[in-house]
Amino acid sequence: MTRAERLAQTEAHARAKLDADRTRLKQVQAQQRDAERQALHRRRVLVGKLVEEAGLFGLDDATLAGLFALLTPLVDAPDPVALLEGLLSASTSPACASVPGYAEAAPRVAPAVPVG
């Protein structure tokens, strides 16, 4: 076998291995996509169950869409649970309560009534 024939044979083996590696890579990528799809499906089912258990299925679609739109800022919050707790406690607190960091209003005095 000449040197050129050995090189051609080596090239053929390398191309065959490359084709096999590409095929294997496609298979692995397909398995990864399938695993991601399954995980996303499981997550959707879980969220749907939580919505159902919370009784939110009784709300109409527009109300649910608005509710989730209001919750969207929580995604980027560093501590979404604390932010949500703060928002919920702020909405249930009385309007006259003081807020830390803000000055209290001066006491109101009735205006003087002129006599006579």
PDB file of N, CA and C in Angstrom:
ATOM      1  N   MET A   1       0.847  -1.170   0.000  1.00  0.00           N
ATOM      2  CA  MET A   1       0.000   0.000   0.000  1.00  0.00           C
ATOM      3  C   MET A   1       0.897   1.239   0.000  1.00  0.00           C
ATOM      4  N   THR A   2       0.602   2.149  -0.903  1.00  0.00           N
ATOM      5  CA  THR A   2       1.422   3.346  -1.018  1.00  0.00           C
ATOM      6  C   THR A   2       1.017   4.343   0.059  1.00  0.00           C
ATOM      7  N   ARG A   3       1.862   5.340   0.224  1.00  0.00           N
ATOM      8  CA  ARG A   3       1.603   6.406   1.210  1.00  0.00           C
ATOM      9  C   ARG A   3       0.301   7.125   0.876  1.00  0.00           C
ATOM     10  N   ALA A   4       0.042   7.394  -0.365  1.00  0.00           N
ATOM     11  CA  ALA A   4      -1.181   8.088  -0.791  1.00  0.00           C
ATOM     12  C   ALA A   4      -2.412   7.249  -0.462  1.00  0.00           C
ATOM     13  N   GLU A   5      -2.308   5.942  -0.649  1.00  0.00           N
ATOM     14  CA  GLU A   5      -3.433   5.060  -0.324  1.00  0.00           C
ATOM     15  C   GLU A   5      -3.703   5.026   1.185  1.00  0.00           C
ATOM     16  N   ARG A   6      -2.620   5.004   1.991  1.00  0.00           N
ATOM     17  CA  ARG A   6      -2.782   5.024   3.449  1.00  0.00           C
ATOM     18  C   ARG A   6      -3.427   6.333   3.894  1.00  0.00           C
ATOM     19  N   LEU A   7      -3.002   7.433   3.318  1.00  0.00           N
ATOM     20  CA  LEU A   7      -3.582   8.735   3.661  1.00  0.00           C
ATOM     21  C   LEU A   7      -5.055   8.802   3.260  1.00  0.00           C
ATOM     22  N   ALA A   8      -5.395   8.248   2.113  1.00  0.00           N
ATOM     23  CA  ALA A   8      -6.787   8.228   1.663  1.00  0.00           C
ATOM     24  C   ALA A   8      -7.627   7.359   2.596  1.00  0.00           C
ATOM     25  N   GLN A   9      -7.068   6.233   3.004  1.00  0.00           N
ATOM     26  CA  GLN A   9      -7.778   5.347   3.933  1.00  0.00           C
ATOM     27  C   GLN A   9      -7.967   6.036   5.290  1.00  0.00           C
ATOM     28  N   THR A  10      -6.953   6.716   5.791  1.00  0.00           N
ATOM     29  CA  THR A  10      -7.035   7.454   7.056  1.00  0.00           C
ATOM     30  C   THR A  10      -8.089   8.548   6.959  1.00  0.00           C
ATOM     31  N   GLU A  11      -8.116   9.225   5.817  1.00  0.00           N
ATOM     32  CA  GLU A  11      -9.123  10.269   5.606  1.00  0.00           C
ATOM     33  C   GLU A  11     -10.535   9.674   5.616  1.00  0.00           C
ATOM     34  N   ALA A  12     -10.701   8.541   4.973  1.00  0.00           N
ATOM     35  CA  ALA A  12     -12.011   7.894   4.926  1.00  0.00           C
ATOM     36  C   ALA A  12     -12.459   7.491   6.331  1.00  0.00           C
ATOM     37  N   HIS A  13     -11.540   6.947   7.126  1.00  0.00           N
ATOM     38  CA  HIS A  13     -11.875   6.576   8.508  1.00  0.00           C
ATOM     39  C   HIS A  13     -12.228   7.825   9.335  1.00  0.00           C
ATOM     40  N   ALA A  14     -11.471   8.889   9.151  1.00  0.00           N
ATOM     41  CA  ALA A  14     -11.720  10.132   9.891  1.00  0.00           C
ATOM     42  C   ALA A  14     -13.086  10.717   9.518  1.00  0.00           C
ATOM     43  N   ARG A  15     -13.420  10.688   8.219  1.00  0.00           N
ATOM     44  CA  ARG A  15     -14.735  11.185   7.784  1.00  0.00           C
ATOM     45  C   ARG A  15     -15.871  10.326   8.350  1.00  0.00           C
ATOM     46  N   ALA A  16     -15.665   9.015   8.365  1.00  0.00           N
ATOM     47  CA  ALA A  16     -16.687   8.121   8.914  1.00  0.00           C
ATOM     48  C   ALA A  16     -16.875   8.384  10.407  1.00  0.00           C
ATOM     49  N   LYS A  17     -15.768   8.584  11.123  1.00  0.00           N
ATOM     50  CA  LYS A  17     -15.857   8.880  12.554  1.00  0.00           C
ATOM     51  C   LYS A  17     -16.535  10.223  12.775  1.00  0.00           C
ATOM     52  N   LEU A  18     -16.207  11.194  11.924  1.00  0.00           N
ATOM     53  CA  LEU A  18     -16.827  12.512  12.038  1.00  0.00           C
ATOM     54  C   LEU A  18     -18.338  12.421  11.803  1.00  0.00           C
ATOM     55  N   ASP A  19     -18.747  11.664  10.808  1.00  0.00           N
ATOM     56  CA  ASP A  19     -20.184  11.467  10.541  1.00  0.00           C
ATOM     57  C   ASP A  19     -20.868  10.784  11.724  1.00  0.00           C
ATOM     58  N   ALA A  20     -20.214   9.780  12.290  1.00  0.00           N
ATOM     59  CA  ALA A  20     -20.783   9.079  13.443  1.00  0.00           C
ATOM     60  C   ALA A  20     -20.888  10.026  14.638  1.00  0.00           C
ATOM     61  N   ASP A  21     -19.872  10.869  14.841  1.00  0.00           N
ATOM     62  CA  ASP A  21     -19.897  11.833  15.945  1.00  0.00           C
ATOM     63  C   ASP A  21     -21.011  12.858  15.750  1.00  0.00           C
ATOM     64  N   ARG A  22     -21.202  13.307  14.525  1.00  0.00           N
ATOM     65  CA  ARG A  22     -22.279  14.267  14.237  1.00  0.00           C
ATOM     66  C   ARG A  22     -23.645  13.640  14.512  1.00  0.00           C
ATOM     67  N   THR A  23     -23.792  12.386  14.091  1.00  0.00           N
ATOM     68  CA  THR A  23     -25.051  11.681  14.330  1.00  0.00           C
ATOM     69  C   THR A  23     -25.294  11.535  15.826  1.00  0.00           C
ATOM     70  N   ARG A  24     -24.265  11.162  16.567  1.00  0.00           N
ATOM     71  CA  ARG A  24     -24.383  11.008  18.020  1.00  0.00           C
ATOM     72  C   ARG A  24     -24.719  12.357  18.670  1.00  0.00           C
ATOM     73  N   LEU A  25     -24.084  13.432  18.214  1.00  0.00           N
ATOM     74  CA  LEU A  25     -24.358  14.766  18.749  1.00  0.00           C
ATOM     75  C   LEU A  25     -25.818  15.141  18.515  1.00  0.00           C
ATOM     76  N   LYS A  26     -26.336  14.864  17.326  1.00  0.00           N
ATOM     77  CA  LYS A  26     -27.747  15.154  17.039  1.00  0.00           C
ATOM     78  C   LYS A  26     -28.663  14.362  17.964  1.00  0.00           C
ATOM     79  N   GLN A  27     -28.312  13.112  18.237  1.00  0.00           N
ATOM     80  CA  GLN A  27     -29.124  12.293  19.138  1.00  0.00           C
ATOM     81  C   GLN A  27     -29.117  12.859  20.555  1.00  0.00           C
ATOM     82  N   VAL A  28     -27.940  13.251  21.025  1.00  0.00           N
ATOM     83  CA  VAL A  28     -27.823  13.813  22.376  1.00  0.00           C
ATOM     84  C   VAL A  28     -28.594  15.131  22.472  1.00  0.00           C
ATOM     85  N   GLN A  29     -28.473  15.974  21.458  1.00  0.00           N
ATOM     86  CA  GLN A  29     -29.204  17.240  21.463  1.00  0.00           C
ATOM     87  C   GLN A  29     -30.713  17.004  21.448  1.00  0.00           C
ATOM     88  N   ALA A  30     -31.157  16.017  20.704  1.00  0.00           N
ATOM     89  CA  ALA A  30     -32.584  15.691  20.675  1.00  0.00           C
ATOM     90  C   ALA A  30     -33.045  15.209  22.046  1.00  0.00           C
ATOM     91  N   GLN A  31     -32.235  14.413  22.728  1.00  0.00           N
ATOM     92  CA  GLN A  31     -32.573  13.951  24.079  1.00  0.00           C
ATOM     93  C   GLN A  31     -32.628  15.130  25.049  1.00  0.00           C
ATOM     94  N   GLN A  32     -31.694  16.084  24.898  1.00  0.00           N
ATOM     95  CA  GLN A  32     -31.695  17.262  25.766  1.00  0.00           C
ATOM     96  C   GLN A  32     -32.958  18.098  25.543  1.00  0.00           C
ATOM     97  N   ARG A  33     -33.320  18.303  24.285  1.00  0.00           N
ATOM     98  CA  ARG A  33     -34.534  19.068  23.989  1.00  0.00           C
ATOM     99  C   ARG A  33     -35.761  18.370  24.561  1.00  0.00           C
ATOM    100  N   ASP A  34     -35.801  17.048  24.451  1.00  0.00           N
ATOM    101  CA  ASP A  34     -36.925  16.287  24.983  1.00  0.00           C
ATOM    102  C   ASP A  34     -36.996  16.407  26.504  1.00  0.00           C
ATOM    103  N   ALA A  35     -35.840  16.338  27.172  1.00  0.00           N
ATOM    104  CA  ALA A  35     -35.810  16.481  28.626  1.00  0.00           C
ATOM    105  C   ALA A  35     -36.271  17.882  29.041  1.00  0.00           C
ATOM    106  N   GLU A  36     -35.844  18.903  28.307  1.00  0.00           N
ATOM    107  CA  GLU A  36     -36.277  20.278  28.598  1.00  0.00           C
ATOM    108  C   GLU A  36     -37.786  20.425  28.380  1.00  0.00           C
ATOM    109  N   ARG A  37     -38.294  19.815  27.321  1.00  0.00           N
ATOM    110  CA  ARG A  37     -39.729  19.882  27.038  1.00  0.00           C
ATOM    111  C   ARG A  37     -40.516  19.198  28.149  1.00  0.00           C
ATOM    112  N   GLN A  38     -40.041  18.050  28.604  1.00  0.00           N
ATOM    113  CA  GLN A  38     -40.723  17.341  29.686  1.00  0.00           C
ATOM    114  C   GLN A  38     -40.695  18.133  30.983  1.00  0.00           C
ATOM    115  N   ALA A  39     -39.556  18.764  31.288  1.00  0.00           N
ATOM    116  CA  ALA A  39     -39.453  19.575  32.510  1.00  0.00           C
ATOM    117  C   ALA A  39     -40.399  20.767  32.433  1.00  0.00           C
ATOM    118  N   LEU A  40     -40.484  21.395  31.273  1.00  0.00           N
ATOM    119  CA  LEU A  40     -41.399  22.524  31.103  1.00  0.00           C
ATOM    120  C   LEU A  40     -42.847  22.069  31.250  1.00  0.00           C
ATOM    121  N   HIS A  41     -43.184  20.913  30.712  1.00  0.00           N
ATOM    122  CA  HIS A  41     -44.531  20.385  30.846  1.00  0.00           C
ATOM    123  C   HIS A  41     -44.869  20.103  32.315  1.00  0.00           C
ATOM    124  N   ARG A  42     -43.922  19.467  33.035  1.00  0.00           N
ATOM    125  CA  ARG A  42     -44.149  19.203  34.459  1.00  0.00           C
ATOM    126  C   ARG A  42     -44.356  20.501  35.228  1.00  0.00           C
ATOM    127  N   ARG A  43     -43.589  21.534  34.895  1.00  0.00           N
ATOM    128  CA  ARG A  43     -43.711  22.828  35.569  1.00  0.00           C
ATOM    129  C   ARG A  43     -45.081  23.445  35.283  1.00  0.00           C
ATOM    130  N   ARG A  44     -45.515  23.380  34.043  1.00  0.00           N
ATOM    131  CA  ARG A  44     -46.834  23.931  33.684  1.00  0.00           C
ATOM    132  C   ARG A  44     -47.955  23.209  34.427  1.00  0.00           C
ATOM    133  N   VAL A  45     -47.838  21.899  34.523  1.00  0.00           N
ATOM    134  CA  VAL A  45     -48.852  21.124  35.245  1.00  0.00           C
ATOM    135  C   VAL A  45     -48.850  21.511  36.716  1.00  0.00           C
ATOM    136  N   LEU A  46     -47.668  21.657  37.312  1.00  0.00           N
ATOM    137  CA  LEU A  46     -47.573  22.042  38.720  1.00  0.00           C
ATOM    138  C   LEU A  46     -48.195  23.412  38.967  1.00  0.00           C
ATOM    139  N   VAL A  47     -47.869  24.376  38.125  1.00  0.00           N
ATOM    140  CA  VAL A  47     -48.432  25.723  38.281  1.00  0.00           C
ATOM    141  C   VAL A  47     -49.943  25.684  38.094  1.00  0.00           C
ATOM    142  N   GLY A  48     -50.409  24.904  37.151  1.00  0.00           N
ATOM    143  CA  GLY A  48     -51.849  24.769  36.950  1.00  0.00           C
ATOM    144  C   GLY A  48     -52.531  24.178  38.169  1.00  0.00           C
ATOM    145  N   LYS A  49     -51.899  23.173  38.787  1.00  0.00           N
ATOM    146  CA  LYS A  49     -52.469  22.589  40.005  1.00  0.00           C
ATOM    147  C   LYS A  49     -52.505  23.607  41.135  1.00  0.00           C
ATOM    148  N   LEU A  50     -51.440  24.415  41.256  1.00  0.00           N
ATOM    149  CA  LEU A  50     -51.413  25.442  42.304  1.00  0.00           C
ATOM    150  C   LEU A  50     -52.511  26.474  42.082  1.00  0.00           C
ATOM    151  N   VAL A  51     -52.723  26.860  40.831  1.00  0.00           N
ATOM    152  CA  VAL A  51     -53.788  27.804  40.505  1.00  0.00           C
ATOM    153  C   VAL A  51     -55.146  27.203  40.862  1.00  0.00           C
ATOM    154  N   GLU A  52     -55.322  25.939  40.540  1.00  0.00           N
ATOM    155  CA  GLU A  52     -56.592  25.272  40.836  1.00  0.00           C
ATOM    156  C   GLU A  52     -56.811  25.168  42.347  1.00  0.00           C
ATOM    157  N   GLU A  53     -55.770  24.735  43.080  1.00  0.00           N
ATOM    158  CA  GLU A  53     -55.901  24.570  44.524  1.00  0.00           C
ATOM    159  C   GLU A  53     -56.144  25.903  45.230  1.00  0.00           C
ATOM    160  N   ALA A  54     -55.629  26.985  44.663  1.00  0.00           N
ATOM    161  CA  ALA A  54     -55.831  28.306  45.260  1.00  0.00           C
ATOM    162  C   ALA A  54     -57.222  28.857  44.952  1.00  0.00           C
ATOM    163  N   GLY A  55     -57.970  28.159  44.120  1.00  0.00           N
ATOM    164  CA  GLY A  55     -59.318  28.610  43.781  1.00  0.00           C
ATOM    165  C   GLY A  55     -59.346  29.658  42.682  1.00  0.00           C
ATOM    166  N   LEU A  56     -58.237  29.829  41.986  1.00  0.00           N
ATOM    167  CA  LEU A  56     -58.168  30.858  40.945  1.00  0.00           C
ATOM    168  C   LEU A  56     -58.812  30.418  39.635  1.00  0.00           C
ATOM    169  N   PHE A  57     -59.153  29.132  39.519  1.00  0.00           N
ATOM    170  CA  PHE A  57     -59.831  28.680  38.309  1.00  0.00           C
ATOM    171  C   PHE A  57     -61.189  29.353  38.152  1.00  0.00           C
ATOM    172  N   GLY A  58     -61.758  29.815  39.250  1.00  0.00           N
ATOM    173  CA  GLY A  58     -63.058  30.477  39.199  1.00  0.00           C
ATOM    174  C   GLY A  58     -63.008  31.859  38.580  1.00  0.00           C
ATOM    175  N   LEU A  59     -61.810  32.434  38.449  1.00  0.00           N
ATOM    176  CA  LEU A  59     -61.671  33.759  37.846  1.00  0.00           C
ATOM    177  C   LEU A  59     -61.718  33.658  36.323  1.00  0.00           C
ATOM    178  N   ASP A  60     -62.218  34.716  35.704  1.00  0.00           N
ATOM    179  CA  ASP A  60     -62.251  34.703  34.234  1.00  0.00           C
ATOM    180  C   ASP A  60     -60.836  34.927  33.688  1.00  0.00           C
ATOM    181  N   ASP A  61     -60.657  34.659  32.415  1.00  0.00           N
ATOM    182  CA  ASP A  61     -59.333  34.719  31.790  1.00  0.00           C
ATOM    183  C   ASP A  61     -58.722  36.112  31.862  1.00  0.00           C
ATOM    184  N   ALA A  62     -59.530  37.143  31.665  1.00  0.00           N
ATOM    185  CA  ALA A  62     -59.008  38.511  31.691  1.00  0.00           C
ATOM    186  C   ALA A  62     -58.488  38.862  33.086  1.00  0.00           C
ATOM    187  N   THR A  63     -59.218  38.438  34.109  1.00  0.00           N
ATOM    188  CA  THR A  63     -58.788  38.713  35.484  1.00  0.00           C
ATOM    189  C   THR A  63     -57.503  37.959  35.798  1.00  0.00           C
ATOM    190  N   LEU A  64     -57.422  36.702  35.380  1.00  0.00           N
ATOM    191  CA  LEU A  64     -56.191  35.937  35.593  1.00  0.00           C
ATOM    192  C   LEU A  64     -55.010  36.571  34.864  1.00  0.00           C
ATOM    193  N   ALA A  65     -55.245  37.018  33.644  1.00  0.00           N
ATOM    194  CA  ALA A  65     -54.167  37.665  32.878  1.00  0.00           C
ATOM    195  C   ALA A  65     -53.706  38.928  33.588  1.00  0.00           C
ATOM    196  N   GLY A  66     -54.648  39.710  34.108  1.00  0.00           N
ATOM    197  CA  GLY A  66     -54.286  40.922  34.843  1.00  0.00           C
ATOM    198  C   GLY A  66     -53.531  40.601  36.119  1.00  0.00           C
ATOM    199  N   LEU A  67     -53.967  39.562  36.820  1.00  0.00           N
ATOM    200  CA  LEU A  67     -53.298  39.149  38.050  1.00  0.00           C
ATOM    201  C   LEU A  67     -51.854  38.748  37.770  1.00  0.00           C
ATOM    202  N   PHE A  68     -51.665  37.928  36.754  1.00  0.00           N
ATOM    203  CA  PHE A  68     -50.302  37.509  36.436  1.00  0.00           C
ATOM    204  C   PHE A  68     -49.463  38.672  35.912  1.00  0.00           C
ATOM    205  N   ALA A  69     -50.077  39.617  35.228  1.00  0.00           N
ATOM    206  CA  ALA A  69     -49.337  40.804  34.781  1.00  0.00           C
ATOM    207  C   ALA A  69     -48.861  41.609  35.984  1.00  0.00           C
ATOM    208  N   LEU A  70     -49.673  41.669  37.035  1.00  0.00           N
ATOM    209  CA  LEU A  70     -49.269  42.389  38.244  1.00  0.00           C
ATOM    210  C   LEU A  70     -48.148  41.651  38.977  1.00  0.00           C
ATOM    211  N   LEU A  71     -48.088  40.347  38.839  1.00  0.00           N
ATOM    212  CA  LEU A  71     -47.056  39.555  39.503  1.00  0.00           C
ATOM    213  C   LEU A  71     -45.734  39.524  38.733  1.00  0.00           C
ATOM    214  N   THR A  72     -45.746  39.942  37.487  1.00  0.00           N
ATOM    215  CA  THR A  72     -44.556  39.880  36.638  1.00  0.00           C
ATOM    216  C   THR A  72     -43.335  40.582  37.230  1.00  0.00           C
ATOM    217  N   PRO A  73     -43.465  41.753  37.876  1.00  0.00           N
ATOM    218  CA  PRO A  73     -42.267  42.398  38.446  1.00  0.00           C
ATOM    219  C   PRO A  73     -41.550  41.545  39.496  1.00  0.00           C
ATOM    220  N   LEU A  74     -42.231  40.580  40.074  1.00  0.00           N
ATOM    221  CA  LEU A  74     -41.596  39.719  41.070  1.00  0.00           C
ATOM    222  C   LEU A  74     -40.472  38.876  40.458  1.00  0.00           C
ATOM    223  N   VAL A  75     -40.545  38.643  39.159  1.00  0.00           N
ATOM    224  CA  VAL A  75     -39.545  37.796  38.496  1.00  0.00           C
ATOM    225  C   VAL A  75     -38.154  38.401  38.622  1.00  0.00           C
ATOM    226  N   ASP A  76     -38.043  39.722  38.499  1.00  0.00           N
ATOM    227  CA  ASP A  76     -36.736  40.379  38.522  1.00  0.00           C
ATOM    228  C   ASP A  76     -36.319  40.837  39.915  1.00  0.00           C
ATOM    229  N   ALA A  77     -37.171  40.680  40.905  1.00  0.00           N
ATOM    230  CA  ALA A  77     -36.857  41.131  42.260  1.00  0.00           C
ATOM    231  C   ALA A  77     -35.820  40.208  42.892  1.00  0.00           C
ATOM    232  N   PRO A  78     -34.872  40.776  43.658  1.00  0.00           N
ATOM    233  CA  PRO A  78     -33.866  39.932  44.309  1.00  0.00           C
ATOM    234  C   PRO A  78     -34.486  38.986  45.343  1.00  0.00           C
ATOM    235  N   ASP A  79     -35.524  39.443  46.036  1.00  0.00           N
ATOM    236  CA  ASP A  79     -36.218  38.602  47.015  1.00  0.00           C
ATOM    237  C   ASP A  79     -37.717  38.720  46.755  1.00  0.00           C
ATOM    238  N   PRO A  80     -38.243  37.938  45.798  1.00  0.00           N
ATOM    239  CA  PRO A  80     -39.641  38.100  45.409  1.00  0.00           C
ATOM    240  C   PRO A  80     -40.629  37.807  46.534  1.00  0.00           C
ATOM    241  N   VAL A  81     -40.278  36.883  47.423  1.00  0.00           N
ATOM    242  CA  VAL A  81     -41.205  36.541  48.516  1.00  0.00           C
ATOM    243  C   VAL A  81     -41.346  37.725  49.460  1.00  0.00           C
ATOM    244  N   ALA A  82     -40.230  38.353  49.824  1.00  0.00           N
ATOM    245  CA  ALA A  82     -40.288  39.516  50.720  1.00  0.00           C
ATOM    246  C   ALA A  82     -41.032  40.670  50.059  1.00  0.00           C
ATOM    247  N   LEU A  83     -40.803  40.885  48.771  1.00  0.00           N
ATOM    248  CA  LEU A  83     -41.505  41.961  48.062  1.00  0.00           C
ATOM    249  C   LEU A  83     -42.999  41.696  48.041  1.00  0.00           C
ATOM    250  N   LEU A  84     -43.404  40.488  47.761  1.00  0.00           N
ATOM    251  CA  LEU A  84     -44.831  40.150  47.734  1.00  0.00           C
ATOM    252  C   LEU A  84     -45.447  40.302  49.124  1.00  0.00           C
ATOM    253  N   GLU A  85     -44.748  39.836  50.147  1.00  0.00           N
ATOM    254  CA  GLU A  85     -45.260  39.994  51.512  1.00  0.00           C
ATOM    255  C   GLU A  85     -45.418  41.470  51.857  1.00  0.00           C
ATOM    256  N   GLY A  86     -44.459  42.283  51.453  1.00  0.00           N
ATOM    257  CA  GLY A  86     -44.545  43.716  51.707  1.00  0.00           C
ATOM    258  C   GLY A  86     -45.725  44.348  50.987  1.00  0.00           C
ATOM    259  N   LEU A  87     -45.919  43.968  49.741  1.00  0.00           N
ATOM    260  CA  LEU A  87     -47.040  44.520  48.978  1.00  0.00           C
ATOM    261  C   LEU A  87     -48.379  44.102  49.581  1.00  0.00           C
ATOM    262  N   LEU A  88     -48.476  42.846  49.988  1.00  0.00           N
ATOM    263  CA  LEU A  88     -49.725  42.367  50.564  1.00  0.00           C
ATOM    264  C   LEU A  88     -49.992  42.987  51.929  1.00  0.00           C
ATOM    265  N   SER A  89     -48.968  43.147  52.743  1.00  0.00           N
ATOM    266  CA  SER A  89     -49.180  43.747  54.059  1.00  0.00           C
ATOM    267  C   SER A  89     -49.476  45.231  53.924  1.00  0.00           C
ATOM    268  N   ALA A  90     -48.900  45.880  52.931  1.00  0.00           N
ATOM    269  CA  ALA A  90     -49.170  47.304  52.716  1.00  0.00           C
ATOM    270  C   ALA A  90     -50.613  47.510  52.271  1.00  0.00           C
ATOM    271  N   SER A  91     -51.151  46.574  51.517  1.00  0.00           N
ATOM    272  CA  SER A  91     -52.523  46.739  51.032  1.00  0.00           C
ATOM    273  C   SER A  91     -53.545  46.460  52.123  1.00  0.00           C
ATOM    274  N   THR A  92     -53.160  45.768  53.188  1.00  0.00           N
ATOM    275  CA  THR A  92     -54.109  45.469  54.257  1.00  0.00           C
ATOM    276  C   THR A  92     -53.914  46.358  55.474  1.00  0.00           C
ATOM    277  N   SER A  93     -52.879  47.196  55.478  1.00  0.00           N
ATOM    278  CA  SER A  93     -52.645  48.050  56.643  1.00  0.00           C
ATOM    279  C   SER A  93     -53.540  49.277  56.561  1.00  0.00           C
ATOM    280  N   PRO A  94     -53.878  49.839  57.717  1.00  0.00           N
ATOM    281  CA  PRO A  94     -54.735  51.019  57.714  1.00  0.00           C
ATOM    282  C   PRO A  94     -54.022  52.211  57.080  1.00  0.00           C
ATOM    283  N   ALA A  95     -54.793  53.080  56.455  1.00  0.00           N
ATOM    284  CA  ALA A  95     -54.222  54.221  55.737  1.00  0.00           C
ATOM    285  C   ALA A  95     -53.601  55.238  56.684  1.00  0.00           C
ATOM    286  N   CYS A  96     -54.015  55.251  57.933  1.00  0.00           N
ATOM    287  CA  CYS A  96     -53.515  56.261  58.853  1.00  0.00           C
ATOM    288  C   CYS A  96     -52.238  55.835  59.559  1.00  0.00           C
ATOM    289  N   ALA A  97     -51.772  54.635  59.354  1.00  0.00           N
ATOM    290  CA  ALA A  97     -50.574  54.159  60.030  1.00  0.00           C
ATOM    291  C   ALA A  97     -49.340  54.843  59.455  1.00  0.00           C
ATOM    292  N   SER A  98     -48.335  55.057  60.306  1.00  0.00           N
ATOM    293  CA  SER A  98     -47.109  55.689  59.839  1.00  0.00           C
ATOM    294  C   SER A  98     -46.268  54.667  59.091  1.00  0.00           C
ATOM    295  N   VAL A  99     -45.471  55.172  58.192  1.00  0.00           N
ATOM    296  CA  VAL A  99     -44.590  54.329  57.395  1.00  0.00           C
ATOM    297  C   VAL A  99     -43.171  54.652  57.815  1.00  0.00           C
ATOM    298  N   PRO A 100     -42.358  53.642  58.136  1.00  0.00           N
ATOM    299  CA  PRO A 100     -40.982  53.919  58.554  1.00  0.00           C
ATOM    300  C   PRO A 100     -40.239  54.723  57.498  1.00  0.00           C
ATOM    301  N   GLY A 101     -39.529  55.748  57.956  1.00  0.00           N
ATOM    302  CA  GLY A 101     -38.755  56.570  57.042  1.00  0.00           C
ATOM    303  C   GLY A 101     -39.477  57.809  56.566  1.00  0.00           C
ATOM    304  N   TYR A 102     -40.742  57.957  56.907  1.00  0.00           N
ATOM    305  CA  TYR A 102     -41.507  59.125  56.503  1.00  0.00           C
ATOM    306  C   TYR A 102     -41.892  59.917  57.735  1.00  0.00           C
ATOM    307  N   ALA A 103     -41.921  61.232  57.601  1.00  0.00           N
ATOM    308  CA  ALA A 103     -42.250  62.111  58.727  1.00  0.00           C
ATOM    309  C   ALA A 103     -43.742  62.053  59.021  1.00  0.00           C
ATOM    310  N   GLU A 104     -44.052  62.204  60.299  1.00  0.00           N
ATOM    311  CA  GLU A 104     -45.447  62.271  60.715  1.00  0.00           C
ATOM    312  C   GLU A 104     -45.993  63.659  60.383  1.00  0.00           C
ATOM    313  N   ALA A 105     -47.266  63.724  60.089  1.00  0.00           N
ATOM    314  CA  ALA A 105     -47.906  65.013  59.831  1.00  0.00           C
ATOM    315  C   ALA A 105     -48.010  65.778  61.143  1.00  0.00           C
ATOM    316  N   ALA A 106     -47.903  67.086  61.048  1.00  0.00           N
ATOM    317  CA  ALA A 106     -48.028  67.931  62.240  1.00  0.00           C
ATOM    318  C   ALA A 106     -49.454  67.846  62.759  1.00  0.00           C
ATOM    319  N   PRO A 107     -49.622  67.908  64.100  1.00  0.00           N
ATOM    320  CA  PRO A 107     -50.985  67.851  64.633  1.00  0.00           C
ATOM    321  C   PRO A 107     -51.779  69.058  64.157  1.00  0.00           C
ATOM    322  N   ARG A 108     -53.028  68.836  63.860  1.00  0.00           N
ATOM    323  CA  ARG A 108     -53.861  69.925  63.341  1.00  0.00           C
ATOM    324  C   ARG A 108     -54.547  70.644  64.504  1.00  0.00           C
ATOM    325  N   VAL A 109     -54.552  71.935  64.398  1.00  0.00           N
ATOM    326  CA  VAL A 109     -55.191  72.775  65.411  1.00  0.00           C
ATOM    327  C   VAL A 109     -56.316  73.533  64.746  1.00  0.00           C
ATOM    328  N   ALA A 110     -57.430  73.577  65.398  1.00  0.00           N
ATOM    329  CA  ALA A 110     -58.570  74.302  64.826  1.00  0.00           C
ATOM    330  C   ALA A 110     -58.218  75.791  64.738  1.00  0.00           C
ATOM    331  N   PRO A 111     -58.671  76.461  63.671  1.00  0.00           N
ATOM    332  CA  PRO A 111     -58.373  77.882  63.538  1.00  0.00           C
ATOM    333  C   PRO A 111     -59.115  78.682  64.634  1.00  0.00           C
ATOM    334  N   ALA A 112     -58.508  79.790  64.977  1.00  0.00           N
ATOM    335  CA  ALA A 112     -59.115  80.639  66.021  1.00  0.00           C
ATOM    336  C   ALA A 112     -60.420  81.199  65.509  1.00  0.00           C
ATOM    337  N   VAL A 113     -61.414  81.234  66.411  1.00  0.00           N
ATOM    338  CA  VAL A 113     -62.722  81.770  66.057  1.00  0.00           C
ATOM    339  C   VAL A 113     -62.822  83.159  66.681  1.00  0.00           C
ATOM    340  N   PRO A 114     -63.067  84.148  65.865  1.00  0.00           N
ATOM    341  CA  PRO A 114     -63.175  85.502  66.439  1.00  0.00           C
ATOM    342  C   PRO A 114     -64.386  85.595  67.379  1.00  0.00           C
ATOM    343  N   VAL A 115     -64.178  86.265  68.474  1.00  0.00           N
ATOM    344  CA  VAL A 115     -65.249  86.440  69.457  1.00  0.00           C
ATOM    345  C   VAL A 115     -65.863  87.817  69.223  1.00  0.00           C
ATOM    346  N   GLY A 116     -67.138  87.871  69.225  1.00  0.00           N
ATOM    347  CA  GLY A 116     -67.927  89.006  69.262  1.00  0.00           C
ATOM    348  C   GLY A 116     -68.128  89.906  68.220  1.00  0.00           C
TER     349      GLY A 116
END
